[in-house]
Amino acid sequence: FQSALFNFQSLLTVVLLLICTCAYVKSLFPSLLDRNKVGLSGTLWKCARIGERKSPFVAVSCFMMAFSILFWS
């Protein structure tokens, strides 16, 4: 994970995967992320909220990131 901080493409990949994973976990277990909205679980709750509300933009970003990793790396 530390090497992802120094490479912008890797950092974007980690952030997109975090958003998608949090949104998926929240859809399966809604009470898991809704309990605490401070600290680390608050950050995960915010990532899930971004994934839920901005899902078309997140989906397009995931598609573009996958395309760039497969064909430009």
PDB file of N, CA and C in Angstrom:
ATOM      1  N   PHE A   1       0.826  -1.202   0.000  1.00  0.00           N
ATOM      2  CA  PHE A   1       0.000   0.000   0.000  1.00  0.00           C
ATOM      3  C   PHE A   1       0.860   1.252   0.000  1.00  0.00           C
ATOM      4  N   GLN A   2       2.017   1.211   0.649  1.00  0.00           N
ATOM      5  CA  GLN A   2       2.847   2.407   0.719  1.00  0.00           C
ATOM      6  C   GLN A   2       3.360   2.806  -0.656  1.00  0.00           C
ATOM      7  N   SER A   3       3.674   1.827  -1.513  1.00  0.00           N
ATOM      8  CA  SER A   3       4.140   2.177  -2.847  1.00  0.00           C
ATOM      9  C   SER A   3       3.024   2.812  -3.678  1.00  0.00           C
ATOM     10  N   ALA A   4       1.765   2.554  -3.318  1.00  0.00           N
ATOM     11  CA  ALA A   4       0.649   3.171  -4.033  1.00  0.00           C
ATOM     12  C   ALA A   4       0.571   4.669  -3.751  1.00  0.00           C
ATOM     13  N   LEU A   5       1.141   5.114  -2.657  1.00  0.00           N
ATOM     14  CA  LEU A   5       1.114   6.543  -2.339  1.00  0.00           C
ATOM     15  C   LEU A   5       2.030   7.344  -3.253  1.00  0.00           C
ATOM     16  N   PHE A   6       3.051   6.707  -3.798  1.00  0.00           N
ATOM     17  CA  PHE A   6       4.021   7.415  -4.620  1.00  0.00           C
ATOM     18  C   PHE A   6       3.726   7.334  -6.100  1.00  0.00           C
ATOM     19  N   ASN A   7       2.797   6.495  -6.500  1.00  0.00           N
ATOM     20  CA  ASN A   7       2.417   6.360  -7.897  1.00  0.00           C
ATOM     21  C   ASN A   7       0.950   6.794  -8.017  1.00  0.00           C
ATOM     22  N   PHE A   8       0.700   7.815  -8.813  1.00  0.00           N
ATOM     23  CA  PHE A   8      -0.641   8.396  -8.891  1.00  0.00           C
ATOM     24  C   PHE A   8      -1.657   7.404  -9.423  1.00  0.00           C
ATOM     25  N   GLN A   9      -1.294   6.615 -10.426  1.00  0.00           N
ATOM     26  CA  GLN A   9      -2.228   5.643 -10.990  1.00  0.00           C
ATOM     27  C   GLN A   9      -2.572   4.573  -9.955  1.00  0.00           C
ATOM     28  N   SER A  10      -1.595   4.145  -9.189  1.00  0.00           N
ATOM     29  CA  SER A  10      -1.866   3.153  -8.149  1.00  0.00           C
ATOM     30  C   SER A  10      -2.726   3.738  -7.044  1.00  0.00           C
ATOM     31  N   LEU A  11      -2.499   4.995  -6.697  1.00  0.00           N
ATOM     32  CA  LEU A  11      -3.312   5.655  -5.681  1.00  0.00           C
ATOM     33  C   LEU A  11      -4.772   5.751  -6.134  1.00  0.00           C
ATOM     34  N   LEU A  12      -4.997   6.120  -7.383  1.00  0.00           N
ATOM     35  CA  LEU A  12      -6.364   6.175  -7.903  1.00  0.00           C
ATOM     36  C   LEU A  12      -7.018   4.803  -7.911  1.00  0.00           C
ATOM     37  N   THR A  13      -6.255   3.778  -8.233  1.00  0.00           N
ATOM     38  CA  THR A  13      -6.787   2.420  -8.223  1.00  0.00           C
ATOM     39  C   THR A  13      -7.206   2.012  -6.822  1.00  0.00           C
ATOM     40  N   VAL A  14      -6.380   2.306  -5.842  1.00  0.00           N
ATOM     41  CA  VAL A  14      -6.700   1.965  -4.452  1.00  0.00           C
ATOM     42  C   VAL A  14      -7.942   2.710  -3.984  1.00  0.00           C
ATOM     43  N   VAL A  15      -8.050   3.978  -4.317  1.00  0.00           N
ATOM     44  CA  VAL A  15      -9.209   4.777  -3.902  1.00  0.00           C
ATOM     45  C   VAL A  15     -10.480   4.253  -4.561  1.00  0.00           C
ATOM     46  N   LEU A  16     -10.436   3.946  -5.858  1.00  0.00           N
ATOM     47  CA  LEU A  16     -11.611   3.411  -6.536  1.00  0.00           C
ATOM     48  C   LEU A  16     -12.022   2.054  -5.973  1.00  0.00           C
ATOM     49  N   LEU A  17     -11.046   1.204  -5.694  1.00  0.00           N
ATOM     50  CA  LEU A  17     -11.370  -0.094  -5.101  1.00  0.00           C
ATOM     51  C   LEU A  17     -11.958   0.066  -3.703  1.00  0.00           C
ATOM     52  N   LEU A  18     -11.462   1.026  -2.943  1.00  0.00           N
ATOM     53  CA  LEU A  18     -11.999   1.284  -1.605  1.00  0.00           C
ATOM     54  C   LEU A  18     -13.450   1.752  -1.681  1.00  0.00           C
ATOM     55  N   ILE A  19     -13.740   2.661  -2.602  1.00  0.00           N
ATOM     56  CA  ILE A  19     -15.107   3.165  -2.768  1.00  0.00           C
ATOM     57  C   ILE A  19     -16.048   2.043  -3.194  1.00  0.00           C
ATOM     58  N   CYS A  20     -15.627   1.248  -4.169  1.00  0.00           N
ATOM     59  CA  CYS A  20     -16.487   0.163  -4.647  1.00  0.00           C
ATOM     60  C   CYS A  20     -16.694  -0.901  -3.574  1.00  0.00           C
ATOM     61  N   THR A  21     -15.649  -1.228  -2.838  1.00  0.00           N
ATOM     62  CA  THR A  21     -15.765  -2.237  -1.794  1.00  0.00           C
ATOM     63  C   THR A  21     -16.676  -1.761  -0.674  1.00  0.00           C
ATOM     64  N   CYS A  22     -16.527  -0.524  -0.257  1.00  0.00           N
ATOM     65  CA  CYS A  22     -17.378   0.012   0.814  1.00  0.00           C
ATOM     66  C   CYS A  22     -18.840   0.063   0.394  1.00  0.00           C
ATOM     67  N   ALA A  23     -19.103   0.450  -0.850  1.00  0.00           N
ATOM     68  CA  ALA A  23     -20.488   0.482  -1.327  1.00  0.00           C
ATOM     69  C   ALA A  23     -21.074  -0.927  -1.382  1.00  0.00           C
ATOM     70  N   TYR A  24     -20.268  -1.901  -1.771  1.00  0.00           N
ATOM     71  CA  TYR A  24     -20.752  -3.280  -1.831  1.00  0.00           C
ATOM     72  C   TYR A  24     -21.031  -3.830  -0.432  1.00  0.00           C
ATOM     73  N   VAL A  25     -20.118  -3.575   0.500  1.00  0.00           N
ATOM     74  CA  VAL A  25     -20.318  -4.049   1.874  1.00  0.00           C
ATOM     75  C   VAL A  25     -21.541  -3.389   2.488  1.00  0.00           C
ATOM     76  N   LYS A  26     -21.746  -2.100   2.214  1.00  0.00           N
ATOM     77  CA  LYS A  26     -22.917  -1.405   2.762  1.00  0.00           C
ATOM     78  C   LYS A  26     -24.214  -1.951   2.174  1.00  0.00           C
ATOM     79  N   SER A  27     -24.175  -2.399   0.923  1.00  0.00           N
ATOM     80  CA  SER A  27     -25.392  -2.977   0.347  1.00  0.00           C
ATOM     81  C   SER A  27     -25.717  -4.337   0.964  1.00  0.00           C
ATOM     82  N   LEU A  28     -24.692  -5.076   1.379  1.00  0.00           N
ATOM     83  CA  LEU A  28     -24.920  -6.377   2.006  1.00  0.00           C
ATOM     84  C   LEU A  28     -25.268  -6.258   3.487  1.00  0.00           C
ATOM     85  N   PHE A  29     -24.519  -5.426   4.200  1.00  0.00           N
ATOM     86  CA  PHE A  29     -24.684  -5.253   5.647  1.00  0.00           C
ATOM     87  C   PHE A  29     -24.823  -3.765   5.965  1.00  0.00           C
ATOM     88  N   PRO A  30     -26.007  -3.177   5.799  1.00  0.00           N
ATOM     89  CA  PRO A  30     -26.161  -1.733   5.973  1.00  0.00           C
ATOM     90  C   PRO A  30     -25.822  -1.236   7.373  1.00  0.00           C
ATOM     91  N   SER A  31     -26.103  -2.030   8.387  1.00  0.00           N
ATOM     92  CA  SER A  31     -25.864  -1.552   9.752  1.00  0.00           C
ATOM     93  C   SER A  31     -24.387  -1.550  10.123  1.00  0.00           C
ATOM     94  N   LEU A  32     -23.572  -2.246   9.353  1.00  0.00           N
ATOM     95  CA  LEU A  32     -22.149  -2.329   9.675  1.00  0.00           C
ATOM     96  C   LEU A  32     -21.457  -0.979   9.550  1.00  0.00           C
ATOM     97  N   LEU A  33     -21.770  -0.226   8.509  1.00  0.00           N
ATOM     98  CA  LEU A  33     -21.111   1.066   8.294  1.00  0.00           C
ATOM     99  C   LEU A  33     -21.924   2.240   8.822  1.00  0.00           C
ATOM    100  N   ASP A  34     -23.186   2.028   9.154  1.00  0.00           N
ATOM    101  CA  ASP A  34     -24.032   3.131   9.621  1.00  0.00           C
ATOM    102  C   ASP A  34     -23.916   3.405  11.116  1.00  0.00           C
ATOM    103  N   ARG A  35     -23.263   2.524  11.844  1.00  0.00           N
ATOM    104  CA  ARG A  35     -23.203   2.684  13.302  1.00  0.00           C
ATOM    105  C   ARG A  35     -22.364   3.890  13.713  1.00  0.00           C
ATOM    106  N   ASN A  36     -21.130   3.947  13.257  1.00  0.00           N
ATOM    107  CA  ASN A  36     -20.226   5.027  13.667  1.00  0.00           C
ATOM    108  C   ASN A  36     -19.862   5.863  12.456  1.00  0.00           C
ATOM    109  N   LYS A  37     -19.923   7.157  12.622  1.00  0.00           N
ATOM    110  CA  LYS A  37     -19.578   8.050  11.522  1.00  0.00           C
ATOM    111  C   LYS A  37     -18.372   8.923  11.854  1.00  0.00           C
ATOM    112  N   VAL A  38     -17.509   8.421  12.739  1.00  0.00           N
ATOM    113  CA  VAL A  38     -16.265   9.129  13.070  1.00  0.00           C
ATOM    114  C   VAL A  38     -15.121   8.119  12.977  1.00  0.00           C
ATOM    115  N   GLY A  39     -13.934   8.628  12.761  1.00  0.00           N
ATOM    116  CA  GLY A  39     -12.760   7.770  12.703  1.00  0.00           C
ATOM    117  C   GLY A  39     -12.686   6.988  11.415  1.00  0.00           C
ATOM    118  N   LEU A  40     -12.075   5.808  11.491  1.00  0.00           N
ATOM    119  CA  LEU A  40     -11.893   4.980  10.307  1.00  0.00           C
ATOM    120  C   LEU A  40     -13.228   4.500   9.742  1.00  0.00           C
ATOM    121  N   SER A  41     -14.140   4.089  10.618  1.00  0.00           N
ATOM    122  CA  SER A  41     -15.437   3.638  10.111  1.00  0.00           C
ATOM    123  C   SER A  41     -16.219   4.796   9.486  1.00  0.00           C
ATOM    124  N   GLY A  42     -15.974   6.007   9.944  1.00  0.00           N
ATOM    125  CA  GLY A  42     -16.588   7.172   9.312  1.00  0.00           C
ATOM    126  C   GLY A  42     -16.059   7.407   7.917  1.00  0.00           C
ATOM    127  N   THR A  43     -14.771   7.183   7.743  1.00  0.00           N
ATOM    128  CA  THR A  43     -14.181   7.305   6.414  1.00  0.00           C
ATOM    129  C   THR A  43     -14.731   6.234   5.480  1.00  0.00           C
ATOM    130  N   LEU A  44     -14.876   5.022   5.992  1.00  0.00           N
ATOM    131  CA  LEU A  44     -15.454   3.949   5.180  1.00  0.00           C
ATOM    132  C   LEU A  44     -16.915   4.251   4.848  1.00  0.00           C
ATOM    133  N   TRP A  45     -17.651   4.845   5.801  1.00  0.00           N
ATOM    134  CA  TRP A  45     -19.038   5.239   5.551  1.00  0.00           C
ATOM    135  C   TRP A  45     -19.106   6.293   4.443  1.00  0.00           C
ATOM    136  N   LYS A  46     -18.179   7.248   4.473  1.00  0.00           N
ATOM    137  CA  LYS A  46     -18.149   8.288   3.435  1.00  0.00           C
ATOM    138  C   LYS A  46     -17.822   7.689   2.072  1.00  0.00           C
ATOM    139  N   CYS A  47     -16.904   6.723   2.034  1.00  0.00           N
ATOM    140  CA  CYS A  47     -16.588   6.055   0.764  1.00  0.00           C
ATOM    141  C   CYS A  47     -17.804   5.306   0.235  1.00  0.00           C
ATOM    142  N   ALA A  48     -18.545   4.657   1.125  1.00  0.00           N
ATOM    143  CA  ALA A  48     -19.759   3.959   0.703  1.00  0.00           C
ATOM    144  C   ALA A  48     -20.800   4.939   0.189  1.00  0.00           C
ATOM    145  N   ARG A  49     -20.914   6.085   0.837  1.00  0.00           N
ATOM    146  CA  ARG A  49     -21.870   7.107   0.410  1.00  0.00           C
ATOM    147  C   ARG A  49     -21.506   7.640  -0.973  1.00  0.00           C
ATOM    148  N   ILE A  50     -20.221   7.849  -1.217  1.00  0.00           N
ATOM    149  CA  ILE A  50     -19.772   8.290  -2.546  1.00  0.00           C
ATOM    150  C   ILE A  50     -20.108   7.225  -3.580  1.00  0.00           C
ATOM    151  N   GLY A  51     -19.861   5.970  -3.247  1.00  0.00           N
ATOM    152  CA  GLY A  51     -20.159   4.880  -4.173  1.00  0.00           C
ATOM    153  C   GLY A  51     -21.630   4.750  -4.480  1.00  0.00           C
ATOM    154  N   GLU A  52     -22.480   5.048  -3.484  1.00  0.00           N
ATOM    155  CA  GLU A  52     -23.926   4.963  -3.706  1.00  0.00           C
ATOM    156  C   GLU A  52     -24.439   6.133  -4.521  1.00  0.00           C
ATOM    157  N   ARG A  53     -24.035   7.312  -4.176  1.00  0.00           N
ATOM    158  CA  ARG A  53     -24.624   8.509  -4.795  1.00  0.00           C
ATOM    159  C   ARG A  53     -24.002   8.852  -6.138  1.00  0.00           C
ATOM    160  N   LYS A  54     -22.738   8.565  -6.306  1.00  0.00           N
ATOM    161  CA  LYS A  54     -22.042   8.897  -7.550  1.00  0.00           C
ATOM    162  C   LYS A  54     -21.722   7.648  -8.357  1.00  0.00           C
ATOM    163  N   SER A  55     -22.596   6.663  -8.305  1.00  0.00           N
ATOM    164  CA  SER A  55     -22.299   5.369  -8.918  1.00  0.00           C
ATOM    165  C   SER A  55     -22.023   5.436 -10.425  1.00  0.00           C
ATOM    166  N   PRO A  56     -22.710   6.266 -11.234  1.00  0.00           N
ATOM    167  CA  PRO A  56     -22.341   6.320 -12.654  1.00  0.00           C
ATOM    168  C   PRO A  56     -20.926   6.845 -12.868  1.00  0.00           C
ATOM    169  N   PHE A  57     -20.537   7.849 -12.104  1.00  0.00           N
ATOM    170  CA  PHE A  57     -19.191   8.405 -12.240  1.00  0.00           C
ATOM    171  C   PHE A  57     -18.134   7.421 -11.742  1.00  0.00           C
ATOM    172  N   VAL A  58     -18.430   6.723 -10.671  1.00  0.00           N
ATOM    173  CA  VAL A  58     -17.508   5.715 -10.145  1.00  0.00           C
ATOM    174  C   VAL A  58     -17.375   4.570 -11.138  1.00  0.00           C
ATOM    175  N   ALA A  59     -18.474   4.148 -11.742  1.00  0.00           N
ATOM    176  CA  ALA A  59     -18.430   3.063 -12.722  1.00  0.00           C
ATOM    177  C   ALA A  59     -17.601   3.453 -13.947  1.00  0.00           C
ATOM    178  N   VAL A  60     -17.791   4.658 -14.430  1.00  0.00           N
ATOM    179  CA  VAL A  60     -17.002   5.131 -15.578  1.00  0.00           C
ATOM    180  C   VAL A  60     -15.534   5.239 -15.198  1.00  0.00           C
ATOM    181  N   SER A  61     -15.256   5.713 -13.997  1.00  0.00           N
ATOM    182  CA  SER A  61     -13.866   5.814 -13.536  1.00  0.00           C
ATOM    183  C   SER A  61     -13.225   4.440 -13.420  1.00  0.00           C
ATOM    184  N   CYS A  62     -13.973   3.457 -12.915  1.00  0.00           N
ATOM    185  CA  CYS A  62     -13.446   2.085 -12.821  1.00  0.00           C
ATOM    186  C   CYS A  62     -13.175   1.515 -14.208  1.00  0.00           C
ATOM    187  N   PHE A  63     -14.063   1.773 -15.141  1.00  0.00           N
ATOM    188  CA  PHE A  63     -13.863   1.288 -16.506  1.00  0.00           C
ATOM    189  C   PHE A  63     -12.631   1.938 -17.136  1.00  0.00           C
ATOM    190  N   MET A  64     -12.498   3.247 -16.970  1.00  0.00           N
ATOM    191  CA  MET A  64     -11.334   3.939 -17.535  1.00  0.00           C
ATOM    192  C   MET A  64     -10.036   3.475 -16.875  1.00  0.00           C
ATOM    193  N   MET A  65     -10.070   3.243 -15.559  1.00  0.00           N
ATOM    194  CA  MET A  65      -8.879   2.775 -14.866  1.00  0.00           C
ATOM    195  C   MET A  65      -8.505   1.369 -15.334  1.00  0.00           C
ATOM    196  N   ALA A  66      -9.487   0.497 -15.491  1.00  0.00           N
ATOM    197  CA  ALA A  66      -9.209  -0.852 -15.971  1.00  0.00           C
ATOM    198  C   ALA A  66      -8.630  -0.815 -17.383  1.00  0.00           C
ATOM    199  N   PHE A  67      -9.183   0.041 -18.234  1.00  0.00           N
ATOM    200  CA  PHE A  67      -8.677   0.185 -19.598  1.00  0.00           C
ATOM    201  C   PHE A  67      -7.243   0.678 -19.604  1.00  0.00           C
ATOM    202  N   SER A  68      -6.953   1.668 -18.759  1.00  0.00           N
ATOM    203  CA  SER A  68      -5.589   2.207 -18.729  1.00  0.00           C
ATOM    204  C   SER A  68      -4.600   1.203 -18.145  1.00  0.00           C
ATOM    205  N   ILE A  69      -5.018   0.412 -17.160  1.00  0.00           N
ATOM    206  CA  ILE A  69      -4.109  -0.591 -16.604  1.00  0.00           C
ATOM    207  C   ILE A  69      -3.846  -1.708 -17.601  1.00  0.00           C
ATOM    208  N   LEU A  70      -4.893  -2.113 -18.322  1.00  0.00           N
ATOM    209  CA  LEU A  70      -4.726  -3.216 -19.261  1.00  0.00           C
ATOM    210  C   LEU A  70      -3.943  -2.830 -20.504  1.00  0.00           C
ATOM    211  N   PHE A  71      -4.141  -1.623 -21.014  1.00  0.00           N
ATOM    212  CA  PHE A  71      -3.582  -1.294 -22.314  1.00  0.00           C
ATOM    213  C   PHE A  71      -2.471  -0.232 -22.287  1.00  0.00           C
ATOM    214  N   TRP A  72      -2.332   0.553 -21.223  1.00  0.00           N
ATOM    215  CA  TRP A  72      -1.307   1.595 -21.215  1.00  0.00           C
ATOM    216  C   TRP A  72      -0.177   1.349 -20.231  1.00  0.00           C
ATOM    217  N   SER A  73      -0.302   0.367 -19.394  1.00  0.00           N
ATOM    218  CA  SER A  73       0.764   0.117 -18.411  1.00  0.00           C
ATOM    219  C   SER A  73       1.882  -0.696 -18.986  1.00  0.00           C
TER     220      SER A  73
END
